[in-house]
C-alpha atoms as a PDB file:
ATOM      1  CA  MET A   1     -14.469  -1.111   5.959  1.00  0.00           C
ATOM      2  CA  ARG A   2     -14.884  -2.602   2.494  1.00  0.00           C
ATOM      3  CA  ILE A   3     -12.809  -0.627  -0.020  1.00  0.00           C
ATOM      4  CA  LEU A   4     -13.093  -0.869  -3.782  1.00  0.00           C
ATOM      5  CA  VAL A   5      -9.759   0.169  -5.311  1.00  0.00           C
ATOM      6  CA  THR A   6      -9.634   0.879  -9.034  1.00  0.00           C
ATOM      7  CA  GLY A   7      -6.353   0.496 -10.891  1.00  0.00           C
ATOM      8  CA  GLY A   8      -4.861  -1.366  -7.954  1.00  0.00           C
ATOM      9  CA  ALA A   9      -2.414  -3.350 -10.069  1.00  0.00           C
ATOM     10  CA  GLY A  10      -0.620  -0.178 -11.120  1.00  0.00           C
ATOM     11  CA  PHE A  11       2.239   1.575  -9.378  1.00  0.00           C
ATOM     12  CA  ILE A  12       0.487   3.796  -6.840  1.00  0.00           C
ATOM     13  CA  GLY A  13      -2.625   1.636  -6.496  1.00  0.00           C
ATOM     14  CA  SER A  14      -0.663  -1.503  -5.629  1.00  0.00           C
ATOM     15  CA  ASN A  15       1.433   0.352  -3.075  1.00  0.00           C
ATOM     16  CA  PHE A  16      -1.765   1.745  -1.554  1.00  0.00           C
ATOM     17  CA  ILE A  17      -3.371  -1.693  -1.262  1.00  0.00           C
ATOM     18  CA  LYS A  18      -0.311  -3.115   0.493  1.00  0.00           C
ATOM     19  CA  TYR A  19      -0.203  -0.097   2.806  1.00  0.00           C
ATOM     20  CA  ILE A  20      -3.901  -0.365   3.727  1.00  0.00           C
ATOM     21  CA  LEU A  21      -3.899  -4.134   4.311  1.00  0.00           C
ATOM     22  CA  LYS A  22      -0.889  -3.805   6.587  1.00  0.00           C
ATOM     23  CA  LYS A  23      -2.267  -0.866   8.581  1.00  0.00           C
ATOM     24  CA  TYR A  24      -5.893  -2.044   8.774  1.00  0.00           C
ATOM     25  CA  PRO A  25      -5.935  -5.866   8.979  1.00  0.00           C
ATOM     26  CA  THR A  26      -9.730  -5.956   9.468  1.00  0.00           C
ATOM     27  CA  TYR A  27     -10.437  -4.064   6.223  1.00  0.00           C
ATOM     28  CA  ARG A  28     -11.395  -5.881   3.042  1.00  0.00           C
ATOM     29  CA  VAL A  29     -10.073  -4.683  -0.321  1.00  0.00           C
ATOM     30  CA  VAL A  30     -11.370  -5.536  -3.782  1.00  0.00           C
ATOM     31  CA  ASN A  31      -9.018  -4.473  -6.546  1.00  0.00           C
ATOM     32  CA  ILE A  32     -10.522  -3.968 -10.003  1.00  0.00           C
ATOM     33  CA  ASP A  33      -8.046  -3.402 -12.805  1.00  0.00           C
ATOM     34  CA  LYS A  34      -8.151  -3.826 -16.576  1.00  0.00           C
ATOM     35  CA  LEU A  35      -4.481  -4.891 -16.610  1.00  0.00           C
ATOM     36  CA  THR A  36      -3.277  -2.607 -19.362  1.00  0.00           C
ATOM     37  CA  TYR A  37       0.461  -2.495 -20.077  1.00  0.00           C
ATOM     38  CA  ALA A  38       1.044  -0.665 -16.740  1.00  0.00           C
ATOM     39  CA  GLY A  39      -1.048  -3.055 -14.630  1.00  0.00           C
ATOM     40  CA  ASN A  40       1.022  -5.850 -13.117  1.00  0.00           C
ATOM     41  CA  LEU A  41      -0.170  -8.467 -10.646  1.00  0.00           C
ATOM     42  CA  ASP A  42       3.452  -9.132  -9.688  1.00  0.00           C
ATOM     43  CA  ASN A  43       3.144  -5.859  -7.746  1.00  0.00           C
ATOM     44  CA  LEU A  44       0.755  -7.604  -5.345  1.00  0.00           C
ATOM     45  CA  ARG A  45       2.309 -11.026  -4.845  1.00  0.00           C
ATOM     46  CA  GLU A  46       2.769 -10.561  -1.107  1.00  0.00           C
ATOM     47  CA  VAL A  47      -0.953  -9.944  -0.524  1.00  0.00           C
ATOM     48  CA  ALA A  48      -2.477 -12.066  -3.297  1.00  0.00           C
ATOM     49  CA  LYS A  49      -3.431 -14.946  -0.982  1.00  0.00           C
ATOM     50  CA  GLN A  50      -4.750 -12.860   1.890  1.00  0.00           C
ATOM     51  CA  LYS A  51      -8.425 -13.494   2.682  1.00  0.00           C
ATOM     52  CA  SER A  52      -8.997  -9.766   3.043  1.00  0.00           C
ATOM     53  CA  TYR A  53      -7.903  -9.101  -0.553  1.00  0.00           C
ATOM     54  CA  ARG A  54      -9.458  -9.966  -3.895  1.00  0.00           C
ATOM     55  CA  PHE A  55      -8.498  -9.102  -7.462  1.00  0.00           C
ATOM     56  CA  VAL A  56     -11.004  -8.955 -10.321  1.00  0.00           C
ATOM     57  CA  ARG A  57     -10.101  -8.056 -13.883  1.00  0.00           C
ATOM     58  CA  VAL A  58     -12.518  -5.281 -14.823  1.00  0.00           C
ATOM     59  CA  ASP A  59     -12.620  -2.430 -17.330  1.00  0.00           C
ATOM     60  CA  ILE A  60     -14.028   0.559 -15.428  1.00  0.00           C
ATOM     61  CA  ASN A  61     -15.989   1.461 -18.570  1.00  0.00           C
ATOM     62  CA  ASP A  62     -18.072  -1.708 -18.115  1.00  0.00           C
ATOM     63  CA  ALA A  63     -21.013  -0.198 -16.223  1.00  0.00           C
ATOM     64  CA  VAL A  64     -22.778  -3.481 -15.411  1.00  0.00           C
ATOM     65  CA  VAL A  65     -19.744  -5.161 -13.882  1.00  0.00           C
ATOM     66  CA  VAL A  66     -18.655  -1.996 -12.072  1.00  0.00           C
ATOM     67  CA  ASP A  67     -22.120  -1.682 -10.535  1.00  0.00           C
ATOM     68  CA  ASN A  68     -21.998  -5.265  -9.235  1.00  0.00           C
ATOM     69  CA  TRP A  69     -18.725  -4.680  -7.400  1.00  0.00           C
ATOM     70  CA  MET A  70     -19.732  -1.222  -6.226  1.00  0.00           C
ATOM     71  CA  ALA A  71     -22.694  -2.839  -4.429  1.00  0.00           C
ATOM     72  CA  GLN A  72     -20.225  -4.688  -2.188  1.00  0.00           C
ATOM     73  CA  ALA A  73     -18.206  -1.628  -1.101  1.00  0.00           C
ATOM     74  CA  ASP A  74     -18.409   1.057   1.547  1.00  0.00           C
ATOM     75  CA  ALA A  75     -15.736   3.292   0.023  1.00  0.00           C
ATOM     76  CA  VAL A  76     -13.973   3.783  -3.309  1.00  0.00           C
ATOM     77  CA  VAL A  77     -10.401   4.879  -3.945  1.00  0.00           C
ATOM     78  CA  HIS A  78     -10.109   5.598  -7.658  1.00  0.00           C
ATOM     79  CA  PHE A  79      -6.566   5.306  -9.020  1.00  0.00           C
ATOM     80  CA  ALA A  80      -7.358   3.828 -12.452  1.00  0.00           C
ATOM     81  CA  ALA A  81      -6.081   6.135 -15.181  1.00  0.00           C
ATOM     82  CA  GLU A  82      -3.902   6.490 -18.217  1.00  0.00           C
ATOM     83  CA  THR A  83      -1.063   8.668 -16.917  1.00  0.00           C
ATOM     84  CA  HIS A  84       1.916   8.970 -19.273  1.00  0.00           C
ATOM     85  CA  VAL A  85       2.162  12.432 -20.860  1.00  0.00           C
ATOM     86  CA  ASP A  86       4.222  11.316 -23.862  1.00  0.00           C
ATOM     87  CA  ARG A  87       1.683   8.588 -24.683  1.00  0.00           C
ATOM     88  CA  SER A  88      -1.151  11.129 -24.445  1.00  0.00           C
ATOM     89  CA  ILE A  89       0.619  13.361 -26.946  1.00  0.00           C
ATOM     90  CA  LYS A  90       0.941  10.485 -29.426  1.00  0.00           C
ATOM     91  CA  ASP A  91      -2.637   9.227 -28.988  1.00  0.00           C
ATOM     92  CA  SER A  92      -5.087  10.758 -26.527  1.00  0.00           C
ATOM     93  CA  GLN A  93      -8.115   8.556 -27.223  1.00  0.00           C
ATOM     94  CA  ASN A  94      -7.514   6.056 -24.404  1.00  0.00           C
ATOM     95  CA  PHE A  95      -6.955   8.918 -21.965  1.00  0.00           C
ATOM     96  CA  ILE A  96     -10.412  10.314 -22.650  1.00  0.00           C
ATOM     97  CA  ARG A  97     -12.023   6.874 -22.522  1.00  0.00           C
ATOM     98  CA  THR A  98     -10.450   5.806 -19.234  1.00  0.00           C
ATOM     99  CA  ASN A  99      -9.918   9.053 -17.367  1.00  0.00           C
ATOM    100  CA  VAL A 100     -13.159  10.793 -18.299  1.00  0.00           C
ATOM    101  CA  HIS A 101     -15.730   8.188 -19.319  1.00  0.00           C
ATOM    102  CA  GLY A 102     -14.430   5.558 -16.894  1.00  0.00           C
ATOM    103  CA  THR A 103     -14.602   8.018 -14.018  1.00  0.00           C
ATOM    104  CA  HIS A 104     -18.182   8.870 -14.960  1.00  0.00           C
ATOM    105  CA  VAL A 105     -19.150   5.181 -14.884  1.00  0.00           C
ATOM    106  CA  LEU A 106     -17.684   4.860 -11.382  1.00  0.00           C
ATOM    107  CA  LEU A 107     -19.359   8.019 -10.082  1.00  0.00           C
ATOM    108  CA  ALA A 108     -22.757   6.970 -11.420  1.00  0.00           C
ATOM    109  CA  ALA A 109     -22.434   3.522  -9.849  1.00  0.00           C
ATOM    110  CA  ALA A 110     -21.260   5.024  -6.551  1.00  0.00           C
ATOM    111  CA  LEU A 111     -24.325   7.263  -6.525  1.00  0.00           C
ATOM    112  CA  ARG A 112     -26.701   4.350  -7.170  1.00  0.00           C
ATOM    113  CA  ARG A 113     -25.061   2.247  -4.476  1.00  0.00           C
ATOM    114  CA  LYS A 114     -24.876   5.086  -1.938  1.00  0.00           C
ATOM    115  CA  ILE A 115     -21.125   4.845  -1.394  1.00  0.00           C
ATOM    116  CA  LYS A 116     -20.059   6.511   1.859  1.00  0.00           C
ATOM    117  CA  ARG A 117     -16.625   7.807   0.726  1.00  0.00           C
ATOM    118  CA  PHE A 118     -15.273   8.294  -2.807  1.00  0.00           C
ATOM    119  CA  VAL A 119     -11.641   9.396  -3.085  1.00  0.00           C
ATOM    120  CA  HIS A 120     -10.720  10.482  -6.599  1.00  0.00           C
ATOM    121  CA  ILE A 121      -6.955  10.452  -7.196  1.00  0.00           C
ATOM    122  CA  SER A 122      -5.738  13.278  -9.419  1.00  0.00           C
ATOM    123  CA  THR A 123      -2.499  15.121 -10.131  1.00  0.00           C
ATOM    124  CA  ASP A 124      -0.846  18.503  -9.650  1.00  0.00           C
ATOM    125  CA  GLU A 125      -0.537  18.688 -13.437  1.00  0.00           C
ATOM    126  CA  VAL A 126      -4.167  19.850 -13.725  1.00  0.00           C
ATOM    127  CA  TYR A 127      -3.091  23.277 -12.433  1.00  0.00           C
ATOM    128  CA  GLY A 128      -0.538  23.733 -15.195  1.00  0.00           C
ATOM    129  CA  SER A 129       2.798  25.477 -14.725  1.00  0.00           C
ATOM    130  CA  ARG A 130       3.833  28.509 -12.697  1.00  0.00           C
ATOM    131  CA  LYS A 131       7.216  30.189 -12.345  1.00  0.00           C
ATOM    132  CA  THR A 132       6.841  31.179  -8.686  1.00  0.00           C
ATOM    133  CA  GLY A 133       4.530  30.473  -5.780  1.00  0.00           C
ATOM    134  CA  TYR A 134       2.284  27.494  -5.147  1.00  0.00           C
ATOM    135  CA  PHE A 135      -1.124  26.387  -6.375  1.00  0.00           C
ATOM    136  CA  LYS A 136      -3.890  26.106  -3.801  1.00  0.00           C
ATOM    137  CA  GLU A 137      -6.891  23.810  -4.145  1.00  0.00           C
ATOM    138  CA  THR A 138      -9.118  26.765  -5.017  1.00  0.00           C
ATOM    139  CA  ASP A 139      -6.984  27.893  -7.975  1.00  0.00           C
ATOM    140  CA  SER A 140      -8.227  27.562 -11.551  1.00  0.00           C
ATOM    141  CA  LEU A 141      -7.220  24.566 -13.632  1.00  0.00           C
ATOM    142  CA  ASN A 142      -4.997  25.144 -16.642  1.00  0.00           C
ATOM    143  CA  PRO A 143      -3.825  21.775 -18.013  1.00  0.00           C
ATOM    144  CA  SER A 144      -1.260  21.649 -20.807  1.00  0.00           C
ATOM    145  CA  SER A 145      -1.256  18.066 -22.116  1.00  0.00           C
ATOM    146  CA  PRO A 146      -4.049  15.726 -23.232  1.00  0.00           C
ATOM    147  CA  TYR A 147      -3.255  13.673 -20.111  1.00  0.00           C
ATOM    148  CA  SER A 148      -3.630  16.538 -17.648  1.00  0.00           C
ATOM    149  CA  ALA A 149      -6.685  17.833 -19.531  1.00  0.00           C
ATOM    150  CA  SER A 150      -8.373  14.443 -19.166  1.00  0.00           C
ATOM    151  CA  LYS A 151      -7.593  14.418 -15.440  1.00  0.00           C
ATOM    152  CA  ALA A 152      -8.917  17.961 -15.047  1.00  0.00           C
ATOM    153  CA  ALA A 153     -12.126  16.868 -16.763  1.00  0.00           C
ATOM    154  CA  SER A 154     -12.473  13.910 -14.406  1.00  0.00           C
ATOM    155  CA  ASP A 155     -11.888  16.202 -11.403  1.00  0.00           C
ATOM    156  CA  LEU A 156     -14.707  18.473 -12.545  1.00  0.00           C
ATOM    157  CA  LEU A 157     -17.000  15.504 -13.075  1.00  0.00           C
ATOM    158  CA  ALA A 158     -16.239  14.201  -9.599  1.00  0.00           C
ATOM    159  CA  ARG A 159     -16.869  17.612  -8.064  1.00  0.00           C
ATOM    160  CA  SER A 160     -20.147  17.951  -9.968  1.00  0.00           C
ATOM    161  CA  PHE A 161     -21.419  14.717  -8.439  1.00  0.00           C
ATOM    162  CA  PHE A 162     -20.865  16.204  -4.992  1.00  0.00           C
ATOM    163  CA  ILE A 163     -22.492  19.545  -5.812  1.00  0.00           C
ATOM    164  CA  THR A 164     -25.456  18.129  -7.732  1.00  0.00           C
ATOM    165  CA  PHE A 165     -26.079  14.772  -6.042  1.00  0.00           C
ATOM    166  CA  ASP A 166     -24.306  15.149  -2.677  1.00  0.00           C
ATOM    167  CA  LEU A 167     -22.092  12.140  -3.444  1.00  0.00           C
ATOM    168  CA  PRO A 168     -19.345  12.241  -0.762  1.00  0.00           C
ATOM    169  CA  VAL A 169     -16.449  12.780  -3.175  1.00  0.00           C
ATOM    170  CA  MET A 170     -12.993  13.958  -2.124  1.00  0.00           C
ATOM    171  CA  ILE A 171     -10.241  14.780  -4.629  1.00  0.00           C
ATOM    172  CA  THR A 172      -6.505  14.473  -4.032  1.00  0.00           C
ATOM    173  CA  ARG A 173      -3.894  16.114  -6.256  1.00  0.00           C
ATOM    174  CA  CYS A 174      -0.396  14.827  -5.771  1.00  0.00           C
ATOM    175  CA  SER A 175       3.073  15.741  -7.005  1.00  0.00           C
ATOM    176  CA  ASN A 176       5.398  13.352  -8.876  1.00  0.00           C
ATOM    177  CA  ASN A 177       5.580   9.902  -7.274  1.00  0.00           C
ATOM    178  CA  PHE A 178       8.544   7.571  -7.195  1.00  0.00           C
ATOM    179  CA  GLY A 179       9.382   4.284  -5.513  1.00  0.00           C
ATOM    180  CA  PRO A 180       9.129   0.485  -5.985  1.00  0.00           C
ATOM    181  CA  ASN A 181       7.060  -1.073  -8.775  1.00  0.00           C
ATOM    182  CA  GLN A 182       6.888   2.047 -10.956  1.00  0.00           C
ATOM    183  CA  TYR A 183       6.602   1.172 -14.639  1.00  0.00           C
ATOM    184  CA  PRO A 184       9.959   1.844 -16.341  1.00  0.00           C
ATOM    185  CA  GLU A 185       8.680   4.483 -18.771  1.00  0.00           C
ATOM    186  CA  LYS A 186       8.640   7.086 -15.973  1.00  0.00           C
ATOM    187  CA  VAL A 187      11.773   9.150 -15.541  1.00  0.00           C
ATOM    188  CA  ILE A 188      13.332   7.696 -12.366  1.00  0.00           C
ATOM    189  CA  PRO A 189      12.856   3.977 -13.141  1.00  0.00           C
ATOM    190  CA  LEU A 190      13.718   4.615 -16.796  1.00  0.00           C
ATOM    191  CA  PHE A 191      16.995   6.278 -15.885  1.00  0.00           C
ATOM    192  CA  VAL A 192      17.907   3.702 -13.234  1.00  0.00           C
ATOM    193  CA  THR A 193      17.148   0.696 -15.446  1.00  0.00           C
ATOM    194  CA  ASN A 194      18.874   2.250 -18.471  1.00  0.00           C
ATOM    195  CA  LEU A 195      22.025   2.694 -16.405  1.00  0.00           C
ATOM    196  CA  LEU A 196      21.780  -0.879 -15.140  1.00  0.00           C
ATOM    197  CA  GLU A 197      21.676  -1.948 -18.803  1.00  0.00           C
ATOM    198  CA  GLY A 198      24.651   0.237 -19.691  1.00  0.00           C
ATOM    199  CA  LYS A 199      22.489   2.675 -21.667  1.00  0.00           C
ATOM    200  CA  LYS A 200      22.437   6.469 -21.539  1.00  0.00           C
ATOM    201  CA  VAL A 201      19.604   8.426 -19.944  1.00  0.00           C
ATOM    202  CA  PRO A 202      17.476  10.690 -22.198  1.00  0.00           C
ATOM    203  CA  LEU A 203      17.158  14.141 -20.627  1.00  0.00           C
ATOM    204  CA  TYR A 204      14.771  16.661 -22.151  1.00  0.00           C
ATOM    205  CA  ALA A 205      16.535  19.836 -23.349  1.00  0.00           C
ATOM    206  CA  LYS A 206      18.696  21.456 -20.640  1.00  0.00           C
ATOM    207  CA  GLY A 207      16.922  19.700 -17.780  1.00  0.00           C
ATOM    208  CA  GLN A 208      15.788  22.898 -16.075  1.00  0.00           C
ATOM    209  CA  ASN A 209      12.152  21.868 -15.602  1.00  0.00           C
ATOM    210  CA  ILE A 210      11.230  21.631 -11.919  1.00  0.00           C
ATOM    211  CA  ARG A 211       9.214  18.897 -10.235  1.00  0.00           C
ATOM    212  CA  ASP A 212       8.242  18.108  -6.651  1.00  0.00           C
ATOM    213  CA  TRP A 213       8.959  14.498  -5.744  1.00  0.00           C
ATOM    214  CA  ILE A 214       7.075  12.381  -3.224  1.00  0.00           C
ATOM    215  CA  TYR A 215       7.918   8.832  -2.185  1.00  0.00           C
ATOM    216  CA  VAL A 216       4.949   6.624  -3.051  1.00  0.00           C
ATOM    217  CA  GLU A 217       4.398   5.433   0.529  1.00  0.00           C
ATOM    218  CA  ASP A 218       4.010   9.055   1.622  1.00  0.00           C
ATOM    219  CA  HIS A 219       1.378   9.537  -1.080  1.00  0.00           C
ATOM    220  CA  CYS A 220      -0.446   6.435   0.177  1.00  0.00           C
ATOM    221  CA  ARG A 221      -0.301   7.854   3.678  1.00  0.00           C
ATOM    222  CA  GLY A 222      -1.886  11.080   2.430  1.00  0.00           C
ATOM    223  CA  VAL A 223      -4.689   9.242   0.635  1.00  0.00           C
ATOM    224  CA  ASP A 224      -5.324   7.263   3.828  1.00  0.00           C
ATOM    225  CA  VAL A 225      -5.665  10.528   5.773  1.00  0.00           C
ATOM    226  CA  VAL A 226      -8.161  11.908   3.255  1.00  0.00           C
ATOM    227  CA  LEU A 227     -10.130   8.643   3.167  1.00  0.00           C
ATOM    228  CA  HIS A 228     -10.596   8.689   6.941  1.00  0.00           C
ATOM    229  CA  LYS A 229     -10.473  12.385   7.854  1.00  0.00           C
ATOM    230  CA  GLY A 230     -11.249  14.310   4.685  1.00  0.00           C
ATOM    231  CA  LYS A 231     -14.416  16.336   4.246  1.00  0.00           C
ATOM    232  CA  ALA A 232     -16.830  15.480   1.459  1.00  0.00           C
ATOM    233  CA  GLY A 233     -16.629  17.876  -1.472  1.00  0.00           C
ATOM    234  CA  GLU A 234     -13.109  19.033  -0.642  1.00  0.00           C
ATOM    235  CA  ILE A 235      -9.861  18.907  -2.636  1.00  0.00           C
ATOM    236  CA  TYR A 236      -6.528  18.136  -0.966  1.00  0.00           C
ATOM    237  CA  ASN A 237      -3.065  18.757  -2.407  1.00  0.00           C
ATOM    238  CA  ILE A 238      -0.466  16.161  -1.375  1.00  0.00           C
ATOM    239  CA  ALA A 239       3.099  17.406  -1.817  1.00  0.00           C
ATOM    240  CA  GLY A 240       6.458  15.837  -1.103  1.00  0.00           C
ATOM    241  CA  GLU A 241       8.067  19.295  -0.878  1.00  0.00           C
ATOM    242  CA  ASN A 242      11.187  17.972  -2.578  1.00  0.00           C
ATOM    243  CA  TYR A 243      11.696  20.385  -5.474  1.00  0.00           C
ATOM    244  CA  ARG A 244      14.443  19.508  -7.951  1.00  0.00           C
ATOM    245  CA  THR A 245      15.302  20.439 -11.521  1.00  0.00           C
ATOM    246  CA  ASN A 246      15.455  17.463 -13.845  1.00  0.00           C
ATOM    247  CA  ILE A 247      19.207  17.893 -14.275  1.00  0.00           C
ATOM    248  CA  VAL A 248      19.757  17.816 -10.510  1.00  0.00           C
ATOM    249  CA  LEU A 249      17.594  14.694 -10.281  1.00  0.00           C
ATOM    250  CA  THR A 250      19.552  13.078 -13.109  1.00  0.00           C
ATOM    251  CA  GLU A 251      22.915  13.875 -11.573  1.00  0.00           C
ATOM    252  CA  LYS A 252      21.742  12.498  -8.218  1.00  0.00           C
ATOM    253  CA  ILE A 253      20.787   9.198  -9.857  1.00  0.00           C
ATOM    254  CA  LEU A 254      24.131   9.053 -11.666  1.00  0.00           C
ATOM    255  CA  ALA A 255      25.960   9.647  -8.381  1.00  0.00           C
ATOM    256  CA  TYR A 256      24.058   6.898  -6.548  1.00  0.00           C
ATOM    257  CA  MET A 257      24.906   4.485  -9.354  1.00  0.00           C
ATOM    258  CA  ASP A 258      28.559   5.557  -9.743  1.00  0.00           C
ATOM    259  CA  GLN A 259      28.014   6.680 -13.311  1.00  0.00           C
ATOM    260  CA  PRO A 260      29.635   9.669 -15.098  1.00  0.00           C
ATOM    261  CA  LYS A 261      27.736  12.651 -16.475  1.00  0.00           C
ATOM    262  CA  THR A 262      28.688  11.495 -19.966  1.00  0.00           C
ATOM    263  CA  MET A 263      25.813   8.986 -19.595  1.00  0.00           C
ATOM    264  CA  ILE A 264      23.373  11.873 -20.104  1.00  0.00           C
ATOM    265  CA  GLN A 265      21.902  12.076 -23.613  1.00  0.00           C
ATOM    266  CA  ARG A 266      20.172  15.353 -24.436  1.00  0.00           C
ATOM    267  CA  VAL A 267      16.938  14.881 -26.395  1.00  0.00           C
ATOM    268  CA  THR A 268      14.446  17.251 -28.010  1.00  0.00           C
ATOM    269  CA  ASP A 269      12.070  18.771 -25.486  1.00  0.00           C
ATOM    270  CA  ARG A 270       8.522  17.485 -25.130  1.00  0.00           C
ATOM    271  CA  PRO A 271       5.805  19.625 -26.835  1.00  0.00           C
ATOM    272  CA  GLY A 272       4.047  21.858 -24.310  1.00  0.00           C
ATOM    273  CA  HIS A 273       6.439  20.816 -21.548  1.00  0.00           C
ATOM    274  CA  ASP A 274       5.357  22.475 -18.274  1.00  0.00           C
ATOM    275  CA  PHE A 275       8.235  24.283 -16.598  1.00  0.00           C
ATOM    276  CA  ARG A 276       7.354  23.999 -12.913  1.00  0.00           C
ATOM    277  CA  TYR A 277       4.748  22.228 -10.812  1.00  0.00           C
ATOM    278  CA  ALA A 278       4.256  23.463  -7.252  1.00  0.00           C
ATOM    279  CA  ILE A 279       1.359  22.906  -4.867  1.00  0.00           C
ATOM    280  CA  ASP A 280       0.492  24.238  -1.417  1.00  0.00           C
ATOM    281  CA  CYS A 281      -0.283  21.381   0.998  1.00  0.00           C
ATOM    282  CA  ALA A 282      -1.282  23.454   4.056  1.00  0.00           C
ATOM    283  CA  LYS A 283      -4.833  22.100   3.879  1.00  0.00           C
ATOM    284  CA  ILE A 284      -3.930  18.428   4.324  1.00  0.00           C
ATOM    285  CA  ARG A 285      -1.399  19.376   6.982  1.00  0.00           C
ATOM    286  CA  LYS A 286      -4.346  20.555   9.092  1.00  0.00           C
ATOM    287  CA  LEU A 287      -5.554  16.938   9.059  1.00  0.00           C
ATOM    288  CA  GLY A 288      -2.242  15.850  10.599  1.00  0.00           C
ATOM    289  CA  TYR A 289      -0.463  14.726   7.440  1.00  0.00           C
ATOM    290  CA  ARG A 290       3.292  15.084   6.954  1.00  0.00           C
ATOM    291  CA  PRO A 291       5.524  13.262   4.461  1.00  0.00           C
ATOM    292  CA  LYS A 292       7.986  11.045   6.320  1.00  0.00           C
ATOM    293  CA  VAL A 293      10.475   9.940   3.650  1.00  0.00           C
ATOM    294  CA  SER A 294      13.102  12.463   2.526  1.00  0.00           C
ATOM    295  CA  PHE A 295      14.001  12.749  -1.144  1.00  0.00           C
ATOM    296  CA  ASP A 296      17.491  11.291  -0.625  1.00  0.00           C
ATOM    297  CA  GLU A 297      16.230   8.389   1.477  1.00  0.00           C
ATOM    298  CA  GLY A 298      13.460   7.612  -0.985  1.00  0.00           C
ATOM    299  CA  LEU A 299      15.766   7.771  -3.991  1.00  0.00           C
ATOM    300  CA  LYS A 300      18.290   5.443  -2.357  1.00  0.00           C
ATOM    301  CA  LYS A 301      15.511   2.963  -1.563  1.00  0.00           C
ATOM    302  CA  THR A 302      14.208   3.208  -5.121  1.00  0.00           C
ATOM    303  CA  VAL A 303      17.602   2.665  -6.779  1.00  0.00           C
ATOM    304  CA  ALA A 304      18.231  -0.315  -4.484  1.00  0.00           C
ATOM    305  CA  TRP A 305      14.827  -1.814  -5.310  1.00  0.00           C
ATOM    306  CA  TYR A 306      15.442  -1.730  -9.062  1.00  0.00           C
ATOM    307  CA  LYS A 307      18.925  -3.172  -8.586  1.00  0.00           C
ATOM    308  CA  ASN A 308      17.429  -6.051  -6.614  1.00  0.00           C
ATOM    309  CA  ASN A 309      14.442  -6.669  -8.876  1.00  0.00           C
ATOM    310  CA  GLU A 310      15.855  -6.928 -12.373  1.00  0.00           C
ATOM    311  CA  ARG A 311      13.495  -9.796 -13.247  1.00  0.00           C
ATOM    312  CA  TRP A 312      10.506  -7.536 -12.555  1.00  0.00           C
ATOM    313  CA  TRP A 313      11.530  -4.654 -14.819  1.00  0.00           C
ATOM    314  CA  LYS A 314      13.454  -6.482 -17.549  1.00  0.00           C
ATOM    315  CA  LYS A 315      10.401  -8.329 -18.803  1.00  0.00           C
ATOM    316  CA  LEU A 316       8.427  -5.081 -18.870  1.00  0.00           C
ATOM    317  CA  LYS A 317      11.067  -3.282 -20.909  1.00  0.00           C
ATOM    318  CA  ALA A 318      11.408  -6.252 -23.230  1.00  0.00           C
ATOM    319  CA  ALA A 319       7.672  -6.210 -23.916  1.00  0.00           C
ATOM    320  CA  SER A 320       7.410  -2.455 -24.501  1.00  0.00           C
END
């Protein structure tokens, strides 16, 4: 199989490429990435020289170039996106350009080139917040931030290409990822690297917001299942089923790093901050998927990775 991966130099995309090349040595992967601030080719050093892998610097809004590379693929896994909520609140323009228009460019090219499988990577944030229960794939979308609104729009576009043109699109919506190579603006790597620098960790309000955490390799495993076993036109939630309040998460990180609770710095809450994300993953379970990495095991691995890779994250924080 020839797979075109968009945004493959980012956190989840790079982990997915490494996962796929290891599991399927006969597959060929082309990674197209614009290399924005969150794209980092250091994430892919171990596969950079493999004959089955190729990187090309491409803006997914460039329809001509996208079409050329789409012609050489059997399947697409579309990770490329602007993803940071706080950045979307400050300036949402790039989120609309990349997440909505860029997705449209890819879908149109995939249709022209008769792509056999198109996996669109989304987020549980498109459902919005709920105090109890779990969102199913058939539930209405109710995004709260410019980021999640742009992802919801791209989901609807992707689904429309299946309904109208019969493009074999599948959508995955995943809970919060964590693990190696995550850009240090996200909460877990930010907190870990701040503590390694002797800085406090900024916790929104009282830290009672609830998130479900999934180790990035488990997310990659779920996308792999959908790519090979998913049904065209369907949506699949991918959950880690590791629900924690932000204060519990913070205290767990402090404990792993032998730091006192006085290292917590309370900061003003984010505007429109969703209280709780929760998704039902029964549908993907029917395809044989189960997360394998527990929250504690994944967090220990993640803390250890950042401790052992200071060169990787220090230059990113210095440049931000």
